[in-house]
């Protein structure tokens, strides 16, 4: 559906001396900055831009692609493009519950559990948890959303000796982070941050393209001397940032 006022105002589109893709970007930005199109407002599709502004598909695609890379809009594959909220952030030096972070920004947190099972530990996971290869571990994969937009994949392995009831939990009521913090309070954390390209299955869960750069945190936690969990947290780079403050 074309955004209200778009067709009425198309006569004001005047590329002038700038490249046409830049003129399209300015045309869209002017509506965002004026408040006419608020956060999460669905903006015209590529087809709408081509039909209503008389530009080529290549021009429309470049304009939307650059607006997304600049953080002005969020593109969700198969759904559309939306006015972006202020880019969310997570505290790099803290282990915070993502649901609490989202609510603190005045937004709505939802999640979708895609995997929750017991399985044998691979050599890598066994080493991370201090367990022998093949030892049983709990594995969960969850997608966290902010106002229905996917912003994090949480791919987590848990030591059953510390949290024996992990796979019996209802994670629609409490996030894995909140549950683990209650059962095994964190006394030590290790975090490694990398820039990565997403895998095909991650693109599907996050509704992003294969070439969208992502931020990844590899996090291990301990409670006293026991290794509790190792998690891989993946964020689309255009939707999230990491912050660290030391004193």
Protein backbone atom coordinates (compact mmCIF):
# COMPACT_ATOMS: atom_id res chain seq x y z
CA UNK A 1 0.00 0.00 0.00
CA UNK A 2 1.35 3.43 -0.92
CA UNK A 3 1.99 5.76 1.99
CA UNK A 4 -0.69 8.41 2.59
CA UNK A 5 0.16 11.67 0.88
CA UNK A 6 2.75 10.11 -1.40
CA UNK A 7 0.69 10.30 -4.59
CA UNK A 8 -0.67 13.74 -3.67
CA UNK A 9 2.83 15.15 -3.18
CA UNK A 10 4.65 13.49 -6.06
CA UNK A 11 4.42 16.71 -8.09
CA UNK A 12 6.90 18.21 -5.60
CA UNK A 13 9.55 15.66 -6.61
CA UNK A 14 12.17 17.65 -8.46
CA UNK A 15 15.55 15.93 -8.91
CA UNK A 16 17.35 19.13 -9.84
CA UNK A 17 21.15 18.89 -10.23
CA UNK A 18 21.65 15.94 -7.85
CA UNK A 19 21.63 12.30 -9.02
CA UNK A 20 18.13 10.88 -9.19
CA UNK A 21 18.75 8.27 -6.51
CA UNK A 22 19.89 11.07 -4.18
CA UNK A 23 16.75 13.06 -5.00
CA UNK A 24 14.60 10.04 -4.08
CA UNK A 25 16.49 9.72 -0.78
CA UNK A 26 15.95 13.41 -0.02
CA UNK A 27 12.27 13.11 -0.91
CA UNK A 28 11.83 10.22 1.56
CA UNK A 29 14.01 11.78 4.25
CA UNK A 30 12.01 15.01 4.14
CA UNK A 31 8.88 13.12 5.15
CA UNK A 32 10.68 11.24 7.91
CA UNK A 33 12.32 14.35 9.34
CA UNK A 34 9.10 16.36 9.22
CA UNK A 35 7.36 13.66 11.28
CA UNK A 36 4.87 12.93 8.50
CA UNK A 37 6.18 9.37 8.48
CA UNK A 38 6.83 8.33 12.11
CA UNK A 39 8.88 5.41 13.44
CA UNK A 40 7.75 2.04 12.01
CA UNK A 41 5.65 3.75 9.31
CA UNK A 42 5.65 1.64 6.15
CA UNK A 43 7.18 3.61 3.31
CA UNK A 44 6.42 3.22 -0.42
CA UNK A 45 7.71 0.08 -2.05
CA UNK A 46 10.27 -0.02 -4.82
CA UNK A 47 7.40 -0.50 -7.30
CA UNK A 48 5.58 2.53 -5.90
CA UNK A 49 8.67 4.70 -6.24
CA UNK A 50 9.20 3.62 -9.83
CA UNK A 51 5.56 4.19 -10.79
CA UNK A 52 4.93 7.41 -8.89
CA UNK A 53 8.23 9.26 -9.25
CA UNK A 54 9.09 8.13 -12.75
CA UNK A 55 12.54 6.78 -11.91
CA UNK A 56 14.15 3.50 -12.88
CA UNK A 57 14.03 0.39 -10.72
CA UNK A 58 17.81 0.62 -10.30
CA UNK A 59 17.44 4.18 -8.97
CA UNK A 60 14.66 3.19 -6.55
CA UNK A 61 16.62 0.17 -5.33
CA UNK A 62 19.78 2.19 -4.73
CA UNK A 63 17.88 4.88 -2.83
CA UNK A 64 16.25 2.35 -0.50
CA UNK A 65 19.45 0.38 -0.09
CA UNK A 66 21.45 3.47 0.90
CA UNK A 67 18.72 4.72 3.27
CA UNK A 68 18.83 1.33 4.99
CA UNK A 69 22.63 1.36 5.27
CA UNK A 70 22.44 4.89 6.73
CA UNK A 71 19.96 3.70 9.35
CA UNK A 72 17.03 5.84 8.14
CA UNK A 73 14.85 2.87 7.23
CA UNK A 74 14.62 -0.83 8.05
CA UNK A 75 14.05 -3.30 5.22
CA UNK A 76 12.42 -6.60 6.15
CA UNK A 77 12.60 -9.18 3.37
CA UNK A 78 9.19 -10.18 2.08
CA UNK A 79 7.44 -7.56 4.22
CA UNK A 80 8.56 -4.07 3.19
CA UNK A 81 10.51 -1.01 4.30
CA UNK A 82 9.78 0.96 7.46
CA UNK A 83 10.96 4.16 9.09
CA UNK A 84 13.68 3.07 11.49
CA UNK A 85 13.60 3.71 15.18
CA UNK A 86 16.69 5.14 16.84
CA UNK A 87 19.16 2.27 16.55
CA UNK A 88 18.98 0.08 19.61
CA UNK A 89 22.04 -0.66 21.64
CA UNK A 90 23.28 -3.23 24.09
CA UNK A 91 25.85 -2.71 26.80
CA UNK A 92 29.01 -4.53 25.79
CA UNK A 93 30.45 -4.70 29.30
CA UNK A 94 27.28 -5.98 30.92
CA UNK A 95 25.15 -9.12 30.62
CA UNK A 96 21.70 -7.62 30.31
CA UNK A 97 18.33 -9.14 29.51
CA UNK A 98 17.43 -8.05 25.98
CA UNK A 99 13.74 -7.92 26.88
CA UNK A 100 14.54 -5.35 29.59
CA UNK A 101 16.66 -3.30 27.16
CA UNK A 102 13.82 -3.13 24.64
CA UNK A 103 11.19 -2.22 27.24
CA UNK A 104 13.48 0.48 28.65
CA UNK A 105 13.39 2.13 25.22
CA UNK A 106 9.58 2.14 25.40
CA UNK A 107 9.24 -0.58 22.77
CA UNK A 108 7.65 -4.02 22.75
CA UNK A 109 9.66 -7.21 23.09
CA UNK A 110 8.49 -10.46 21.53
CA UNK A 111 10.40 -13.66 20.92
CA UNK A 112 10.14 -16.86 18.93
CA UNK A 113 11.70 -20.11 20.10
CA UNK A 114 12.88 -22.19 17.14
CA UNK A 115 14.84 -24.92 18.95
CA UNK A 116 14.92 -26.38 22.47
CA UNK A 117 16.48 -29.81 22.87
CA UNK A 118 19.11 -32.02 24.49
CA UNK A 119 22.00 -33.09 22.27
CA UNK A 120 25.61 -34.36 22.46
CA UNK A 121 28.27 -31.68 22.77
CA UNK A 122 30.51 -31.08 19.79
CA UNK A 123 34.24 -30.71 20.52
CA UNK A 124 33.90 -26.91 20.33
CA UNK A 125 30.88 -26.74 22.68
CA UNK A 126 32.35 -29.29 25.06
CA UNK A 127 35.52 -27.24 25.31
CA UNK A 128 33.54 -24.02 25.90
CA UNK A 129 31.55 -25.60 28.73
CA UNK A 130 34.38 -27.64 30.20
CA UNK A 131 32.67 -30.92 29.28
CA UNK A 132 33.90 -33.93 27.31
CA UNK A 133 32.93 -34.29 23.65
CA UNK A 134 29.62 -36.13 23.41
CA UNK A 135 28.42 -35.13 26.90
CA UNK A 136 24.77 -34.11 26.95
CA UNK A 137 24.06 -30.39 26.73
CA UNK A 138 20.93 -28.31 26.27
CA UNK A 139 20.62 -26.26 23.07
CA UNK A 140 18.18 -23.42 22.39
CA UNK A 141 17.76 -20.99 19.50
CA UNK A 142 15.54 -17.94 19.93
CA UNK A 143 14.79 -14.86 17.83
CA UNK A 144 14.18 -11.63 19.75
CA UNK A 145 12.13 -8.84 18.14
CA UNK A 146 11.67 -5.15 18.88
CA UNK A 147 8.26 -3.92 17.74
CA UNK A 148 8.01 -7.04 15.55
CA UNK A 149 11.38 -6.42 13.83
CA UNK A 150 13.96 -9.20 14.44
CA UNK A 151 17.07 -7.79 16.13
CA UNK A 152 18.85 -10.77 17.70
CA UNK A 153 19.37 -14.49 17.26
CA UNK A 154 20.30 -16.14 20.56
CA UNK A 155 21.99 -19.49 19.88
CA UNK A 156 22.74 -20.92 23.34
CA UNK A 157 24.19 -24.08 24.89
CA UNK A 158 23.67 -24.80 28.60
CA UNK A 159 25.43 -27.09 31.08
CA UNK A 160 22.73 -29.51 32.41
CA UNK A 161 24.65 -30.09 35.64
CA UNK A 162 24.06 -26.45 36.59
CA UNK A 163 20.59 -25.95 35.07
CA UNK A 164 18.95 -29.42 34.90
CA UNK A 165 15.44 -28.07 34.17
CA UNK A 166 16.39 -25.75 31.30
CA UNK A 167 14.50 -27.60 28.54
CA UNK A 168 11.33 -27.73 30.66
CA UNK A 169 11.00 -23.95 30.86
CA UNK A 170 8.37 -21.79 29.17
CA UNK A 171 10.54 -19.22 27.44
CA UNK A 172 7.52 -17.28 26.21
CA UNK A 173 7.16 -16.05 29.80
CA UNK A 174 10.84 -15.52 30.66
CA UNK A 175 13.93 -15.18 28.48
CA UNK A 176 16.74 -17.73 28.82
CA UNK A 177 18.98 -14.97 30.17
CA UNK A 178 16.50 -14.10 32.94
CA UNK A 179 16.01 -17.75 33.87
CA UNK A 180 19.73 -18.58 33.97
CA UNK A 181 20.48 -15.49 36.04
CA UNK A 182 17.98 -16.66 38.65
CA UNK A 183 19.14 -20.28 38.72
CA UNK A 184 22.89 -19.69 38.45
CA UNK A 185 23.87 -16.06 39.26
CA UNK A 186 26.75 -14.90 37.06
CA UNK A 187 30.10 -14.44 38.77
CA UNK A 188 32.34 -14.33 35.67
CA UNK A 189 31.84 -13.51 32.00
CA UNK A 190 33.91 -13.80 28.84
CA UNK A 191 32.78 -11.90 25.72
CA UNK A 192 34.27 -11.75 22.23
CA UNK A 193 32.86 -9.44 19.55
CA UNK A 194 33.24 -10.03 15.81
CA UNK A 195 31.85 -8.61 12.56
CA UNK A 196 30.46 -11.45 10.44
CA UNK A 197 28.24 -12.19 7.48
CA UNK A 198 25.11 -14.19 8.37
CA UNK A 199 24.52 -17.78 7.37
CA UNK A 200 21.53 -18.65 5.17
CA UNK A 201 19.37 -19.85 8.07
CA UNK A 202 20.23 -16.74 10.08
CA UNK A 203 19.20 -14.49 7.18
CA UNK A 204 15.82 -16.20 7.16
CA UNK A 205 15.27 -15.74 10.89
CA UNK A 206 16.39 -12.10 10.86
CA UNK A 207 14.73 -11.27 7.52
CA UNK A 208 17.93 -9.80 6.08
CA UNK A 209 20.00 -10.25 2.95
CA UNK A 210 23.08 -12.48 2.71
CA UNK A 211 25.39 -9.48 2.40
CA UNK A 212 24.17 -7.56 5.44
CA UNK A 213 27.00 -7.29 7.98
CA UNK A 214 26.15 -8.47 11.49
CA UNK A 215 27.58 -7.98 14.94
CA UNK A 216 28.24 -11.19 16.83
CA UNK A 217 28.97 -11.66 20.53
CA UNK A 218 30.34 -14.97 21.74
CA UNK A 219 29.56 -15.07 25.45
CA UNK A 220 30.49 -17.56 28.15
CA UNK A 221 29.34 -17.29 31.76
CA UNK A 222 30.25 -18.99 35.03
CA UNK A 223 28.53 -19.25 38.41
CA UNK A 224 31.22 -19.63 41.04
CA UNK A 225 33.50 -22.28 39.48
CA UNK A 226 30.87 -23.94 37.28
CA UNK A 227 30.57 -23.15 33.58
CA UNK A 228 26.91 -22.30 32.93
CA UNK A 229 26.42 -21.40 29.29
CA UNK A 230 28.03 -20.48 26.00
CA UNK A 231 25.99 -18.35 23.62
CA UNK A 232 26.33 -16.87 20.18
CA UNK A 233 24.32 -13.63 19.88
CA UNK A 234 23.84 -12.24 16.36
CA UNK A 235 22.57 -8.72 15.58
CA UNK A 236 21.89 -7.14 12.15
CA UNK A 237 24.42 -4.32 11.89
CA UNK A 238 21.88 -1.83 10.53
CA UNK A 239 19.53 -2.37 13.48
CA UNK A 240 21.82 -2.51 16.48
CA UNK A 241 25.03 -1.22 18.01
CA UNK A 242 27.19 -2.23 20.94
CA UNK A 243 28.31 0.24 23.59
CA UNK A 244 31.03 -0.09 26.18
CA UNK A 245 31.79 2.24 29.06
CA UNK A 246 34.61 1.75 31.54
CA UNK A 247 35.24 3.73 34.71
